[in-house]
Amino acid sequence: MAESISNAIDFLKLIRTEREVEVQFVKKDGTIRRMRCTLDFSIIPTDKKPKGVDPIKILKKIQDSKSLSVYDLEKEDWRTIPFERLEYLKTKSNNKIYKVVKLK
């Protein structure tokens, strides 16, 4: 049985502890998108790394926009994941799947 994630902060913590994850979410146009992504700066090319990381700004963005920016390993650029349309996160290290539970 898959474990669950119920908020963006838990998602952020999990993706930061993993080197690489796969996520699946529904795009604005209704199509399903799978993405291999990371927040591990040792994987992200130097020219793509942010100049600075401000945890307070990151948390505010998550709270305000209900989204999180991650580095897409296939597109080799930053992409935004809409947390409210996120379906699951799968870890690469042990293939563990975390279903996203929408709280009402």
PDB file of N, CA and C in Angstrom:
ATOM      1  N   MET A   1       0.839  -1.187   0.000  1.00  0.00           N
ATOM      2  CA  MET A   1       0.000   0.000   0.000  1.00  0.00           C
ATOM      3  C   MET A   1       0.882   1.247   0.000  1.00  0.00           C
ATOM      4  N   ALA A   2       0.536   2.213  -0.808  1.00  0.00           N
ATOM      5  CA  ALA A   2       1.320   3.440  -0.919  1.00  0.00           C
ATOM      6  C   ALA A   2       1.100   4.326   0.300  1.00  0.00           C
ATOM      7  N   GLU A   3       2.147   5.023   0.676  1.00  0.00           N
ATOM      8  CA  GLU A   3       2.017   6.024   1.729  1.00  0.00           C
ATOM      9  C   GLU A   3       1.400   7.266   1.102  1.00  0.00           C
ATOM     10  N   SER A   4       1.074   8.237   1.950  1.00  0.00           N
ATOM     11  CA  SER A   4       0.439   9.429   1.404  1.00  0.00           C
ATOM     12  C   SER A   4       1.129  10.700   1.884  1.00  0.00           C
ATOM     13  N   ILE A   5       0.935  11.736   1.091  1.00  0.00           N
ATOM     14  CA  ILE A   5       1.397  13.082   1.401  1.00  0.00           C
ATOM     15  C   ILE A   5       0.149  13.952   1.371  1.00  0.00           C
ATOM     16  N   SER A   6      -0.020  14.798   2.387  1.00  0.00           N
ATOM     17  CA  SER A   6      -1.242  15.599   2.417  1.00  0.00           C
ATOM     18  C   SER A   6      -0.988  17.098   2.340  1.00  0.00           C
ATOM     19  N   ASN A   7       0.292  17.501   2.288  1.00  0.00           N
ATOM     20  CA  ASN A   7       0.550  18.938   2.152  1.00  0.00           C
ATOM     21  C   ASN A   7       1.863  19.175   1.418  1.00  0.00           C
ATOM     22  N   ALA A   8       2.003  20.376   0.897  1.00  0.00           N
ATOM     23  CA  ALA A   8       3.160  20.720   0.076  1.00  0.00           C
ATOM     24  C   ALA A   8       4.463  20.719   0.870  1.00  0.00           C
ATOM     25  N   ILE A   9       4.405  20.998   2.163  1.00  0.00           N
ATOM     26  CA  ILE A   9       5.624  21.023   2.976  1.00  0.00           C
ATOM     27  C   ILE A   9       6.203  19.614   3.084  1.00  0.00           C
ATOM     28  N   ASP A  10       5.347  18.610   3.308  1.00  0.00           N
ATOM     29  CA  ASP A  10       5.829  17.228   3.355  1.00  0.00           C
ATOM     30  C   ASP A  10       6.401  16.813   2.003  1.00  0.00           C
ATOM     31  N   PHE A  11       5.756  17.264   0.934  1.00  0.00           N
ATOM     32  CA  PHE A  11       6.260  16.989  -0.413  1.00  0.00           C
ATOM     33  C   PHE A  11       7.652  17.593  -0.592  1.00  0.00           C
ATOM     34  N   LEU A  12       7.815  18.835  -0.178  1.00  0.00           N
ATOM     35  CA  LEU A  12       9.102  19.525  -0.290  1.00  0.00           C
ATOM     36  C   LEU A  12      10.183  18.786   0.500  1.00  0.00           C
ATOM     37  N   LYS A  13       9.867  18.382   1.709  1.00  0.00           N
ATOM     38  CA  LYS A  13      10.840  17.644   2.531  1.00  0.00           C
ATOM     39  C   LYS A  13      11.251  16.347   1.848  1.00  0.00           C
ATOM     40  N   LEU A  14      10.283  15.631   1.302  1.00  0.00           N
ATOM     41  CA  LEU A  14      10.575  14.350   0.665  1.00  0.00           C
ATOM     42  C   LEU A  14      11.421  14.517  -0.588  1.00  0.00           C
ATOM     43  N   ILE A  15      11.074  15.463  -1.413  1.00  0.00           N
ATOM     44  CA  ILE A  15      11.833  15.645  -2.655  1.00  0.00           C
ATOM     45  C   ILE A  15      13.258  16.142  -2.380  1.00  0.00           C
ATOM     46  N   ARG A  16      13.440  16.863  -1.280  1.00  0.00           N
ATOM     47  CA  ARG A  16      14.785  17.334  -0.933  1.00  0.00           C
ATOM     48  C   ARG A  16      15.666  16.204  -0.392  1.00  0.00           C
ATOM     49  N   THR A  17      15.061  15.180   0.200  1.00  0.00           N
ATOM     50  CA  THR A  17      15.863  14.073   0.735  1.00  0.00           C
ATOM     51  C   THR A  17      16.214  13.047  -0.337  1.00  0.00           C
ATOM     52  N   GLU A  18      15.473  13.034  -1.420  1.00  0.00           N
ATOM     53  CA  GLU A  18      15.737  12.096  -2.510  1.00  0.00           C
ATOM     54  C   GLU A  18      16.600  12.772  -3.578  1.00  0.00           C
ATOM     55  N   ARG A  19      17.424  12.019  -4.212  1.00  0.00           N
ATOM     56  CA  ARG A  19      18.267  12.551  -5.278  1.00  0.00           C
ATOM     57  C   ARG A  19      17.445  12.824  -6.540  1.00  0.00           C
ATOM     58  N   GLU A  20      16.480  11.938  -6.793  1.00  0.00           N
ATOM     59  CA  GLU A  20      15.638  12.055  -7.985  1.00  0.00           C
ATOM     60  C   GLU A  20      14.286  11.426  -7.685  1.00  0.00           C
ATOM     61  N   VAL A  21      13.220  12.040  -8.171  1.00  0.00           N
ATOM     62  CA  VAL A  21      11.874  11.485  -8.014  1.00  0.00           C
ATOM     63  C   VAL A  21      11.120  11.590  -9.331  1.00  0.00           C
ATOM     64  N   GLU A  22      10.076  10.797  -9.430  1.00  0.00           N
ATOM     65  CA  GLU A  22       9.146  10.919 -10.546  1.00  0.00           C
ATOM     66  C   GLU A  22       7.842  11.430  -9.957  1.00  0.00           C
ATOM     67  N   VAL A  23       7.250  12.402 -10.608  1.00  0.00           N
ATOM     68  CA  VAL A  23       5.948  12.906 -10.176  1.00  0.00           C
ATOM     69  C   VAL A  23       4.971  12.787 -11.333  1.00  0.00           C
ATOM     70  N   GLN A  24       3.709  12.690 -10.976  1.00  0.00           N
ATOM     71  CA  GLN A  24       2.657  12.726 -11.987  1.00  0.00           C
ATOM     72  C   GLN A  24       1.617  13.727 -11.527  1.00  0.00           C
ATOM     73  N   PHE A  25       1.217  14.605 -12.464  1.00  0.00           N
ATOM     74  CA  PHE A  25       0.202  15.601 -12.149  1.00  0.00           C
ATOM     75  C   PHE A  25      -0.625  15.886 -13.395  1.00  0.00           C
ATOM     76  N   VAL A  26      -1.727  16.571 -13.182  1.00  0.00           N
ATOM     77  CA  VAL A  26      -2.612  16.953 -14.275  1.00  0.00           C
ATOM     78  C   VAL A  26      -2.300  18.388 -14.654  1.00  0.00           C
ATOM     79  N   LYS A  27      -1.976  18.591 -15.930  1.00  0.00           N
ATOM     80  CA  LYS A  27      -1.690  19.941 -16.413  1.00  0.00           C
ATOM     81  C   LYS A  27      -2.983  20.742 -16.537  1.00  0.00           C
ATOM     82  N   LYS A  28      -2.842  22.056 -16.726  1.00  0.00           N
ATOM     83  CA  LYS A  28      -4.018  22.940 -16.848  1.00  0.00           C
ATOM     84  C   LYS A  28      -4.959  22.490 -17.958  1.00  0.00           C
ATOM     85  N   ASP A  29      -4.390  21.949 -19.045  1.00  0.00           N
ATOM     86  CA  ASP A  29      -5.231  21.531 -20.170  1.00  0.00           C
ATOM     87  C   ASP A  29      -5.867  20.156 -19.962  1.00  0.00           C
ATOM     88  N   GLY A  30      -5.617  19.546 -18.791  1.00  0.00           N
ATOM     89  CA  GLY A  30      -6.232  18.265 -18.465  1.00  0.00           C
ATOM     90  C   GLY A  30      -5.391  17.042 -18.799  1.00  0.00           C
ATOM     91  N   THR A  31      -4.279  17.243 -19.487  1.00  0.00           N
ATOM     92  CA  THR A  31      -3.425  16.103 -19.814  1.00  0.00           C
ATOM     93  C   THR A  31      -2.574  15.703 -18.610  1.00  0.00           C
ATOM     94  N   ILE A  32      -2.191  14.421 -18.612  1.00  0.00           N
ATOM     95  CA  ILE A  32      -1.362  13.879 -17.539  1.00  0.00           C
ATOM     96  C   ILE A  32       0.105  14.116 -17.887  1.00  0.00           C
ATOM     97  N   ARG A  33       0.888  14.560 -16.926  1.00  0.00           N
ATOM     98  CA  ARG A  33       2.320  14.816 -17.136  1.00  0.00           C
ATOM     99  C   ARG A  33       3.106  14.043 -16.098  1.00  0.00           C
ATOM    100  N   ARG A  34       4.055  13.255 -16.557  1.00  0.00           N
ATOM    101  CA  ARG A  34       5.025  12.602 -15.676  1.00  0.00           C
ATOM    102  C   ARG A  34       6.345  13.316 -15.855  1.00  0.00           C
ATOM    103  N   MET A  35       7.041  13.491 -14.751  1.00  0.00           N
ATOM    104  CA  MET A  35       8.294  14.238 -14.805  1.00  0.00           C
ATOM    105  C   MET A  35       9.303  13.616 -13.841  1.00  0.00           C
ATOM    106  N   ARG A  36      10.524  13.423 -14.325  1.00  0.00           N
ATOM    107  CA  ARG A  36      11.642  13.071 -13.454  1.00  0.00           C
ATOM    108  C   ARG A  36      12.260  14.384 -13.015  1.00  0.00           C
ATOM    109  N   CYS A  37      12.357  14.592 -11.714  1.00  0.00           N
ATOM    110  CA  CYS A  37      12.824  15.884 -11.243  1.00  0.00           C
ATOM    111  C   CYS A  37      13.677  15.756  -9.988  1.00  0.00           C
ATOM    112  N   THR A  38      14.279  16.886  -9.608  1.00  0.00           N
ATOM    113  CA  THR A  38      15.150  16.912  -8.443  1.00  0.00           C
ATOM    114  C   THR A  38      15.165  18.307  -7.831  1.00  0.00           C
ATOM    115  N   LEU A  39      15.620  18.348  -6.595  1.00  0.00           N
ATOM    116  CA  LEU A  39      16.004  19.596  -5.937  1.00  0.00           C
ATOM    117  C   LEU A  39      17.419  19.438  -5.385  1.00  0.00           C
ATOM    118  N   ASP A  40      18.102  18.384  -5.814  1.00  0.00           N
ATOM    119  CA  ASP A  40      19.472  18.117  -5.394  1.00  0.00           C
ATOM    120  C   ASP A  40      20.412  18.974  -6.246  1.00  0.00           C
ATOM    121  N   PHE A  41      20.982  20.004  -5.636  1.00  0.00           N
ATOM    122  CA  PHE A  41      21.802  20.951  -6.386  1.00  0.00           C
ATOM    123  C   PHE A  41      23.074  20.333  -6.953  1.00  0.00           C
ATOM    124  N   SER A  42      23.497  19.183  -6.458  1.00  0.00           N
ATOM    125  CA  SER A  42      24.686  18.533  -7.019  1.00  0.00           C
ATOM    126  C   SER A  42      24.405  17.957  -8.405  1.00  0.00           C
ATOM    127  N   ILE A  43      23.138  17.769  -8.754  1.00  0.00           N
ATOM    128  CA  ILE A  43      22.752  17.255 -10.073  1.00  0.00           C
ATOM    129  C   ILE A  43      22.482  18.394 -11.052  1.00  0.00           C
ATOM    130  N   ILE A  44      22.010  19.500 -10.559  1.00  0.00           N
ATOM    131  CA  ILE A  44      21.605  20.626 -11.399  1.00  0.00           C
ATOM    132  C   ILE A  44      22.840  21.343 -11.949  1.00  0.00           C
ATOM    133  N   PRO A  45      22.899  21.571 -13.270  1.00  0.00           N
ATOM    134  CA  PRO A  45      24.046  22.277 -13.848  1.00  0.00           C
ATOM    135  C   PRO A  45      24.234  23.660 -13.213  1.00  0.00           C
ATOM    136  N   THR A  46      25.483  24.077 -13.101  1.00  0.00           N
ATOM    137  CA  THR A  46      25.827  25.338 -12.450  1.00  0.00           C
ATOM    138  C   THR A  46      25.054  26.521 -13.022  1.00  0.00           C
ATOM    139  N   ASP A  47      24.930  26.587 -14.352  1.00  0.00           N
ATOM    140  CA  ASP A  47      24.249  27.724 -14.969  1.00  0.00           C
ATOM    141  C   ASP A  47      22.734  27.719 -14.743  1.00  0.00           C
ATOM    142  N   LYS A  48      22.192  26.624 -14.220  1.00  0.00           N
ATOM    143  CA  LYS A  48      20.760  26.521 -13.951  1.00  0.00           C
ATOM    144  C   LYS A  48      20.431  26.645 -12.459  1.00  0.00           C
ATOM    145  N   LYS A  49      21.459  26.680 -11.617  1.00  0.00           N
ATOM    146  CA  LYS A  49      21.219  26.797 -10.176  1.00  0.00           C
ATOM    147  C   LYS A  49      20.750  28.204  -9.841  1.00  0.00           C
ATOM    148  N   PRO A  50      19.807  28.317  -8.902  1.00  0.00           N
ATOM    149  CA  PRO A  50      19.373  29.653  -8.495  1.00  0.00           C
ATOM    150  C   PRO A  50      20.503  30.392  -7.798  1.00  0.00           C
ATOM    151  N   LYS A  51      20.477  31.701  -7.891  1.00  0.00           N
ATOM    152  CA  LYS A  51      21.530  32.521  -7.275  1.00  0.00           C
ATOM    153  C   LYS A  51      21.541  32.378  -5.758  1.00  0.00           C
ATOM    154  N   GLY A  52      20.364  32.260  -5.179  1.00  0.00           N
ATOM    155  CA  GLY A  52      20.241  32.097  -3.734  1.00  0.00           C
ATOM    156  C   GLY A  52      18.967  31.340  -3.409  1.00  0.00           C
ATOM    157  N   VAL A  53      18.950  30.712  -2.269  1.00  0.00           N
ATOM    158  CA  VAL A  53      17.773  29.964  -1.860  1.00  0.00           C
ATOM    159  C   VAL A  53      17.272  30.561  -0.554  1.00  0.00           C
ATOM    160  N   ASP A  54      16.063  31.065  -0.597  1.00  0.00           N
ATOM    161  CA  ASP A  54      15.448  31.675   0.577  1.00  0.00           C
ATOM    162  C   ASP A  54      14.267  30.808   1.007  1.00  0.00           C
ATOM    163  N   PRO A  55      14.447  30.007   2.064  1.00  0.00           N
ATOM    164  CA  PRO A  55      13.367  29.100   2.488  1.00  0.00           C
ATOM    165  C   PRO A  55      12.044  29.815   2.768  1.00  0.00           C
ATOM    166  N   ILE A  56      12.099  31.022   3.277  1.00  0.00           N
ATOM    167  CA  ILE A  56      10.865  31.758   3.567  1.00  0.00           C
ATOM    168  C   ILE A  56      10.123  32.086   2.276  1.00  0.00           C
ATOM    169  N   LYS A  57      10.854  32.505   1.231  1.00  0.00           N
ATOM    170  CA  LYS A  57      10.215  32.796  -0.057  1.00  0.00           C
ATOM    171  C   LYS A  57       9.640  31.519  -0.677  1.00  0.00           C
ATOM    172  N   ILE A  58      10.350  30.415  -0.534  1.00  0.00           N
ATOM    173  CA  ILE A  58       9.869  29.138  -1.074  1.00  0.00           C
ATOM    174  C   ILE A  58       8.560  28.739  -0.391  1.00  0.00           C
ATOM    175  N   LEU A  59       8.528  28.820   0.929  1.00  0.00           N
ATOM    176  CA  LEU A  59       7.324  28.466   1.676  1.00  0.00           C
ATOM    177  C   LEU A  59       6.167  29.402   1.340  1.00  0.00           C
ATOM    178  N   LYS A  60       6.459  30.692   1.155  1.00  0.00           N
ATOM    179  CA  LYS A  60       5.411  31.650   0.787  1.00  0.00           C
ATOM    180  C   LYS A  60       4.846  31.324  -0.592  1.00  0.00           C
ATOM    181  N   LYS A  61       5.726  30.956  -1.537  1.00  0.00           N
ATOM    182  CA  LYS A  61       5.258  30.598  -2.880  1.00  0.00           C
ATOM    183  C   LYS A  61       4.366  29.356  -2.815  1.00  0.00           C
ATOM    184  N   ILE A  62       4.782  28.377  -2.019  1.00  0.00           N
ATOM    185  CA  ILE A  62       3.972  27.172  -1.879  1.00  0.00           C
ATOM    186  C   ILE A  62       2.602  27.531  -1.316  1.00  0.00           C
ATOM    187  N   GLN A  63       2.592  28.367  -0.300  1.00  0.00           N
ATOM    188  CA  GLN A  63       1.336  28.748   0.353  1.00  0.00           C
ATOM    189  C   GLN A  63       0.451  29.574  -0.583  1.00  0.00           C
ATOM    190  N   ASP A  64       1.041  30.555  -1.274  1.00  0.00           N
ATOM    191  CA  ASP A  64       0.262  31.461  -2.120  1.00  0.00           C
ATOM    192  C   ASP A  64      -0.207  30.819  -3.422  1.00  0.00           C
ATOM    193  N   SER A  65       0.707  30.149  -4.109  1.00  0.00           N
ATOM    194  CA  SER A  65       0.375  29.633  -5.439  1.00  0.00           C
ATOM    195  C   SER A  65       0.063  28.143  -5.454  1.00  0.00           C
ATOM    196  N   LYS A  66       0.262  27.472  -4.314  1.00  0.00           N
ATOM    197  CA  LYS A  66       0.035  26.024  -4.222  1.00  0.00           C
ATOM    198  C   LYS A  66       0.865  25.284  -5.279  1.00  0.00           C
ATOM    199  N   SER A  67       2.098  25.772  -5.490  1.00  0.00           N
ATOM    200  CA  SER A  67       2.976  25.141  -6.473  1.00  0.00           C
ATOM    201  C   SER A  67       4.405  25.130  -5.956  1.00  0.00           C
ATOM    202  N   LEU A  68       5.226  24.325  -6.604  1.00  0.00           N
ATOM    203  CA  LEU A  68       6.621  24.181  -6.214  1.00  0.00           C
ATOM    204  C   LEU A  68       7.473  24.085  -7.473  1.00  0.00           C
ATOM    205  N   SER A  69       8.562  24.817  -7.512  1.00  0.00           N
ATOM    206  CA  SER A  69       9.484  24.739  -8.645  1.00  0.00           C
ATOM    207  C   SER A  69      10.484  23.621  -8.408  1.00  0.00           C
ATOM    208  N   VAL A  70      10.668  22.795  -9.439  1.00  0.00           N
ATOM    209  CA  VAL A  70      11.622  21.687  -9.387  1.00  0.00           C
ATOM    210  C   VAL A  70      12.429  21.693 -10.678  1.00  0.00           C
ATOM    211  N   TYR A  71      13.571  21.012 -10.660  1.00  0.00           N
ATOM    212  CA  TYR A  71      14.389  20.914 -11.862  1.00  0.00           C
ATOM    213  C   TYR A  71      14.000  19.651 -12.617  1.00  0.00           C
ATOM    214  N   ASP A  72      13.509  19.817 -13.849  1.00  0.00           N
ATOM    215  CA  ASP A  72      13.095  18.709 -14.707  1.00  0.00           C
ATOM    216  C   ASP A  72      14.354  18.110 -15.336  1.00  0.00           C
ATOM    217  N   LEU A  73      14.632  16.846 -15.024  1.00  0.00           N
ATOM    218  CA  LEU A  73      15.855  16.202 -15.492  1.00  0.00           C
ATOM    219  C   LEU A  73      15.822  15.862 -16.978  1.00  0.00           C
ATOM    220  N   GLU A  74      14.640  15.734 -17.568  1.00  0.00           N
ATOM    221  CA  GLU A  74      14.546  15.436 -18.992  1.00  0.00           C
ATOM    222  C   GLU A  74      14.569  16.713 -19.835  1.00  0.00           C
ATOM    223  N   LYS A  75      13.847  17.739 -19.408  1.00  0.00           N
ATOM    224  CA  LYS A  75      13.815  19.012 -20.144  1.00  0.00           C
ATOM    225  C   LYS A  75      15.039  19.874 -19.821  1.00  0.00           C
ATOM    226  N   GLU A  76      15.746  19.508 -18.740  1.00  0.00           N
ATOM    227  CA  GLU A  76      16.941  20.220 -18.280  1.00  0.00           C
ATOM    228  C   GLU A  76      16.667  21.700 -18.020  1.00  0.00           C
ATOM    229  N   ASP A  77      15.557  21.924 -17.297  1.00  0.00           N
ATOM    230  CA  ASP A  77      15.200  23.285 -16.904  1.00  0.00           C
ATOM    231  C   ASP A  77      14.203  23.221 -15.751  1.00  0.00           C
ATOM    232  N   TRP A  78      13.937  24.369 -15.176  1.00  0.00           N
ATOM    233  CA  TRP A  78      13.016  24.460 -14.052  1.00  0.00           C
ATOM    234  C   TRP A  78      11.578  24.408 -14.531  1.00  0.00           C
ATOM    235  N   ARG A  79      10.751  23.678 -13.794  1.00  0.00           N
ATOM    236  CA  ARG A  79       9.325  23.567 -14.080  1.00  0.00           C
ATOM    237  C   ARG A  79       8.566  23.730 -12.775  1.00  0.00           C
ATOM    238  N   THR A  80       7.293  24.061 -12.883  1.00  0.00           N
ATOM    239  CA  THR A  80       6.442  24.238 -11.708  1.00  0.00           C
ATOM    240  C   THR A  80       5.463  23.085 -11.603  1.00  0.00           C
ATOM    241  N   ILE A  81       5.372  22.528 -10.416  1.00  0.00           N
ATOM    242  CA  ILE A  81       4.418  21.463 -10.140  1.00  0.00           C
ATOM    243  C   ILE A  81       3.247  22.071  -9.365  1.00  0.00           C
ATOM    244  N   PRO A  82       2.043  21.956  -9.902  1.00  0.00           N
ATOM    245  CA  PRO A  82       0.868  22.436  -9.165  1.00  0.00           C
ATOM    246  C   PRO A  82       0.492  21.407  -8.108  1.00  0.00           C
ATOM    247  N   PHE A  83       0.739  21.712  -6.852  1.00  0.00           N
ATOM    248  CA  PHE A  83       0.517  20.730  -5.799  1.00  0.00           C
ATOM    249  C   PHE A  83      -0.921  20.233  -5.759  1.00  0.00           C
ATOM    250  N   GLU A  84      -1.869  21.093  -6.019  1.00  0.00           N
ATOM    251  CA  GLU A  84      -3.277  20.691  -5.953  1.00  0.00           C
ATOM    252  C   GLU A  84      -3.673  19.710  -7.060  1.00  0.00           C
ATOM    253  N   ARG A  85      -2.860  19.602  -8.115  1.00  0.00           N
ATOM    254  CA  ARG A  85      -3.156  18.653  -9.197  1.00  0.00           C
ATOM    255  C   ARG A  85      -2.155  17.500  -9.224  1.00  0.00           C
ATOM    256  N   LEU A  86      -1.309  17.434  -8.215  1.00  0.00           N
ATOM    257  CA  LEU A  86      -0.317  16.365  -8.104  1.00  0.00           C
ATOM    258  C   LEU A  86      -1.007  15.069  -7.715  1.00  0.00           C
ATOM    259  N   GLU A  87      -0.661  13.973  -8.396  1.00  0.00           N
ATOM    260  CA  GLU A  87      -1.286  12.685  -8.104  1.00  0.00           C
ATOM    261  C   GLU A  87      -0.384  11.788  -7.267  1.00  0.00           C
ATOM    262  N   TYR A  88       0.902  11.724  -7.623  1.00  0.00           N
ATOM    263  CA  TYR A  88       1.815  10.903  -6.839  1.00  0.00           C
ATOM    264  C   TYR A  88       3.254  11.348  -7.012  1.00  0.00           C
ATOM    265  N   LEU A  89       4.081  10.876  -6.105  1.00  0.00           N
ATOM    266  CA  LEU A  89       5.530  11.047  -6.159  1.00  0.00           C
ATOM    267  C   LEU A  89       6.124   9.664  -5.965  1.00  0.00           C
ATOM    268  N   LYS A  90       7.082   9.294  -6.803  1.00  0.00           N
ATOM    269  CA  LYS A  90       7.732   7.988  -6.711  1.00  0.00           C
ATOM    270  C   LYS A  90       9.234   8.208  -6.553  1.00  0.00           C
ATOM    271  N   THR A  91       9.814   7.614  -5.515  1.00  0.00           N
ATOM    272  CA  THR A  91      11.243   7.773  -5.277  1.00  0.00           C
ATOM    273  C   THR A  91      12.031   6.857  -6.204  1.00  0.00           C
ATOM    274  N   LYS A  92      13.178   7.314  -6.640  1.00  0.00           N
ATOM    275  CA  LYS A  92      14.035   6.498  -7.492  1.00  0.00           C
ATOM    276  C   LYS A  92      14.831   5.513  -6.644  1.00  0.00           C
ATOM    277  N   SER A  93      15.224   5.943  -5.444  1.00  0.00           N
ATOM    278  CA  SER A  93      16.099   5.119  -4.613  1.00  0.00           C
ATOM    279  C   SER A  93      15.480   3.776  -4.225  1.00  0.00           C
ATOM    280  N   ASN A  94      14.167   3.755  -3.955  1.00  0.00           N
ATOM    281  CA  ASN A  94      13.538   2.491  -3.556  1.00  0.00           C
ATOM    282  C   ASN A  94      12.163   2.262  -4.198  1.00  0.00           C
ATOM    283  N   ASN A  95      11.849   3.034  -5.223  1.00  0.00           N
ATOM    284  CA  ASN A  95      10.575   2.909  -5.951  1.00  0.00           C
ATOM    285  C   ASN A  95       9.352   2.996  -5.042  1.00  0.00           C
ATOM    286  N   LYS A  96       9.451   3.750  -3.980  1.00  0.00           N
ATOM    287  CA  LYS A  96       8.328   3.928  -3.065  1.00  0.00           C
ATOM    288  C   LYS A  96       7.396   4.997  -3.630  1.00  0.00           C
ATOM    289  N   ILE A  97       6.110   4.714  -3.620  1.00  0.00           N
ATOM    290  CA  ILE A  97       5.117   5.639  -4.162  1.00  0.00           C
ATOM    291  C   ILE A  97       4.370   6.322  -3.019  1.00  0.00           C
ATOM    292  N   TYR A  98       4.250   7.634  -3.146  1.00  0.00           N
ATOM    293  CA  TYR A  98       3.501   8.444  -2.189  1.00  0.00           C
ATOM    294  C   TYR A  98       2.330   9.056  -2.934  1.00  0.00           C
ATOM    295  N   LYS A  99       1.132   8.649  -2.595  1.00  0.00           N
ATOM    296  CA  LYS A  99      -0.076   9.234  -3.179  1.00  0.00           C
ATOM    297  C   LYS A  99      -0.339  10.578  -2.513  1.00  0.00           C
ATOM    298  N   VAL A 100      -0.841  11.511  -3.270  1.00  0.00           N
ATOM    299  CA  VAL A 100      -1.166  12.826  -2.724  1.00  0.00           C
ATOM    300  C   VAL A 100      -2.636  12.835  -2.351  1.00  0.00           C
ATOM    301  N   VAL A 101      -2.875  13.090  -1.077  1.00  0.00           N
ATOM    302  CA  VAL A 101      -4.227  13.131  -0.543  1.00  0.00           C
ATOM    303  C   VAL A 101      -4.683  14.574  -0.504  1.00  0.00           C
ATOM    304  N   LYS A 102      -5.796  14.848  -1.141  1.00  0.00           N
ATOM    305  CA  LYS A 102      -6.346  16.208  -1.152  1.00  0.00           C
ATOM    306  C   LYS A 102      -7.187  16.403   0.101  1.00  0.00           C
ATOM    307  N   LEU A 103      -6.806  17.361   0.917  1.00  0.00           N
ATOM    308  CA  LEU A 103      -7.568  17.641   2.117  1.00  0.00           C
ATOM    309  C   LEU A 103      -8.737  18.558   1.785  1.00  0.00           C
ATOM    310  N   LYS A 104      -9.862  18.332   2.401  1.00  0.00           N
ATOM    311  CA  LYS A 104     -11.045  19.145   2.134  1.00  0.00           C
ATOM    312  C   LYS A 104     -11.284  20.101   3.255  1.00  0.00           C
TER     313      LYS A 104
END
